[in-house]
């Protein structure tokens, strides 16, 4: 597992910025807690997740919808669960 550089961390946090405050709060809380433990696979999965539309992402973060298709992968399932538990 390689550690994220400061630049990679800044880029990940910038990509995590969302149009909906609720998404921002949930994702920022997750990154505050787990950022230093993220693997390259986790970062790739989060980058994919951040391509999702804001409303769709909020439904998933609130547990009202599940991950589907290309988003339904083990790292995202794990991280979404962690986000929901914070």
Protein backbone atom coordinates (compact mmCIF):
# COMPACT_ATOMS: atom_id res chain seq x y z
CA UNK A 1 0.00 0.00 0.00
CA UNK A 2 1.47 3.32 -1.02
CA UNK A 3 0.72 6.42 0.99
CA UNK A 4 -0.89 9.38 -0.71
CA UNK A 5 1.36 12.35 -1.25
CA UNK A 6 0.19 15.77 -0.08
CA UNK A 7 -0.60 16.68 -3.69
CA UNK A 8 -2.63 13.49 -4.22
CA UNK A 9 -4.52 14.17 -0.97
CA UNK A 10 -5.30 17.72 -2.08
CA UNK A 11 -6.49 16.47 -5.48
CA UNK A 12 -8.70 13.83 -3.87
CA UNK A 13 -10.28 16.39 -1.55
CA UNK A 14 -10.80 18.78 -4.47
CA UNK A 15 -12.50 16.02 -6.48
CA UNK A 16 -14.65 15.22 -3.45
CA UNK A 17 -16.23 18.68 -3.46
CA UNK A 18 -19.85 18.32 -4.41
CA UNK A 19 -22.73 20.58 -5.36
CA UNK A 20 -24.81 19.37 -2.42
CA UNK A 21 -23.69 20.33 1.07
CA UNK A 22 -24.90 17.00 2.47
CA UNK A 23 -22.56 15.07 0.17
CA UNK A 24 -19.68 17.40 1.06
CA UNK A 25 -20.21 16.85 4.77
CA UNK A 26 -20.42 13.06 4.54
CA UNK A 27 -17.43 12.69 2.23
CA UNK A 28 -15.27 15.19 4.14
CA UNK A 29 -16.00 13.39 7.41
CA UNK A 30 -14.97 10.12 5.76
CA UNK A 31 -11.75 11.60 4.37
CA UNK A 32 -10.91 13.21 7.73
CA UNK A 33 -11.12 9.77 9.34
CA UNK A 34 -9.80 7.39 6.65
CA UNK A 35 -7.72 9.42 4.19
CA UNK A 36 -4.38 8.15 5.48
CA UNK A 37 -5.52 4.52 5.19
CA UNK A 38 -6.72 4.68 1.57
CA UNK A 39 -5.06 2.35 -0.91
CA UNK A 40 -4.50 3.08 -4.59
CA UNK A 41 -7.52 0.87 -5.30
CA UNK A 42 -9.62 2.93 -2.87
CA UNK A 43 -8.56 6.19 -4.51
CA UNK A 44 -9.45 4.81 -7.95
CA UNK A 45 -12.84 3.67 -6.66
CA UNK A 46 -13.54 7.04 -5.04
CA UNK A 47 -12.56 8.83 -8.23
CA UNK A 48 -15.14 6.72 -10.06
CA UNK A 49 -17.74 7.46 -7.37
CA UNK A 50 -17.10 11.19 -7.69
CA UNK A 51 -18.22 11.00 -11.32
CA UNK A 52 -21.72 10.14 -10.12
CA UNK A 53 -24.35 12.88 -10.11
CA UNK A 54 -24.96 14.66 -6.81
CA UNK A 55 -28.54 13.50 -6.26
CA UNK A 56 -27.74 9.90 -7.14
CA UNK A 57 -24.73 9.98 -4.80
CA UNK A 58 -26.80 11.42 -1.96
CA UNK A 59 -29.38 8.62 -2.34
CA UNK A 60 -26.57 6.07 -1.99
CA UNK A 61 -24.90 7.82 0.95
CA UNK A 62 -28.25 7.99 2.77
CA UNK A 63 -28.92 4.30 2.08
CA UNK A 64 -31.98 5.00 -0.06
CA UNK A 65 -30.37 3.38 -3.12
CA UNK A 66 -27.63 0.85 -3.67
CA UNK A 67 -24.56 0.83 -5.83
CA UNK A 68 -25.22 -0.56 -9.30
CA UNK A 69 -23.30 -1.37 -12.45
CA UNK A 70 -19.74 -0.11 -12.59
CA UNK A 71 -20.09 1.35 -9.08
CA UNK A 72 -20.97 -1.96 -7.42
CA UNK A 73 -17.43 -2.96 -6.44
CA UNK A 74 -16.04 -4.17 -3.13
CA UNK A 75 -13.97 -1.06 -2.27
CA UNK A 76 -16.95 1.26 -2.84
CA UNK A 77 -19.33 -0.97 -0.89
CA UNK A 78 -16.87 -0.90 2.03
CA UNK A 79 -16.27 2.85 1.89
CA UNK A 80 -19.97 3.70 1.50
CA UNK A 81 -20.66 1.62 4.60
CA UNK A 82 -17.94 3.50 6.46
CA UNK A 83 -19.40 6.83 5.33
CA UNK A 84 -22.84 5.81 6.53
CA UNK A 85 -21.50 4.78 9.93
CA UNK A 86 -19.78 8.10 10.65
